[in-house]
């Protein structure tokens, strides 16, 4: 019975290995490009987790309704349907793409001379392809090689030997295939539901829209008293800002009074004018009004993707009818002490030494958070990319492979939260109970921090840094 189970496992592994070999040979010999779809903006045609096969073609062969894969200006591979083809200079063609589940086309046209055109896809097989390109596949291949060697020592001619021969063949195919797959990771493609501030569950992405920050000065009253100007910073070029207005104490309307698409990269200043007309025009009475803004992902599907947090300011109409700035609940200020954004360490030991020196002998990222109303909570997500895997830190289990990155975890803080004064709160990413540091291995790290103040409005700050350990 155990022999039957063992052989079954070997043959299942052999099938996986054969799939890996076929994909590898198709890539090398036939020029076929496997693609793992990480989001669902091509649904229902292609769902997240599907494995697509694409072949490179000249741009002049592409037609409307083809599904093609290109690289955008951020260096991210995007796979969408062609909705417009415009001939450019020479061999260049301008393609306008749109995800099937998106309300509008991609923001940028793609000027290309050749593209990868998808000709076939298989639902769910992308999850398998991700696993096959992981270190666990290499580990499994090593175990199977050990089984092959063990089987070769069995006595030839006996029933056991004959069964072993079949098992050895299966193990050989599985080992070679799994090893090949782990050395040739399948490219992942976005369906434009992601941006640089993203979190991964395994390798399938879930998008979290980040709120924008205030600029300086936050609000100024314009000449004439008919408008005020609010200043913000771009949170991502893939976001637009939507603004709602209501009398103070009343619920916000479902429809925004303003939707803008600010140009420029991260932290570009944006000036937004709020006019008396937006507050109700001549019918607007004297008093305070709340102006609330949030981020919205451009081109998101039928149900818009908004930031969970908002930015809120108060403006008022005086008894004389003039519009002027009121109070603004500023979000908490966040400082990253160590590592700083963009830092590169030559080795894990160098990273551990740097964090111990700056973080009270704790070998983990640290910093401070401050707000005039005090701090309610500090949460983090620490993601590491190495060996073609993206995993998130869990102080209970390290970097587990099969647990996603969808959970905000509480940071260690001093003093205890909540606080009610402007005294800075020191935060750090927790170590494991045995003292293991989250920075003990090489890789590219992304640290997401979310701090909520202790005001009644619960204003939130979100910051992201990246650093590398060689």
Foldseek 3Di string as FASTA:
>chain_A
DVLVVLLVVLLVLLVLLVVLVVVVCCCVPVVKAKEAEQAQLQPPVAHHQKIWIWHKDFPVVDDAQWWWWDADPVRAIATFGFHDWADDPDLWIWTWGAHPQFPDIDPDIDIDGMTITTDDMDHNCSVVLLVLQFVVLQVLLVVLVVLLVVLVPDDPPDPSNVSSVSSNVSSVSSSNSSNSSNVPRRHYHYNQPEDPPWWKQWNRTDHAFAWWAFDPPQKFQDPPQFKIKGKIWDQALQKKKFKWKDAPPDDTDPHTLDIGRDDDGGGDMDIDIDGVVRCPPPPRAWHKMKMKMWIWGPRHGPDIRIHPFIWIFIWTQDNVGGIGGDDGQHAKDWDWFPPDFAAEAAALVRQQVVCCVGPVHQSFTKTKIFGAQFWAFKWKWKWWDDSNIIFTQDLAPGTDNNGTRPDTHGWDWPPDDRDGHGPIIMTTHDHHPVRHYNSNGWTKMKMKMKIFGPDPSGHIDIDMGIYGHD
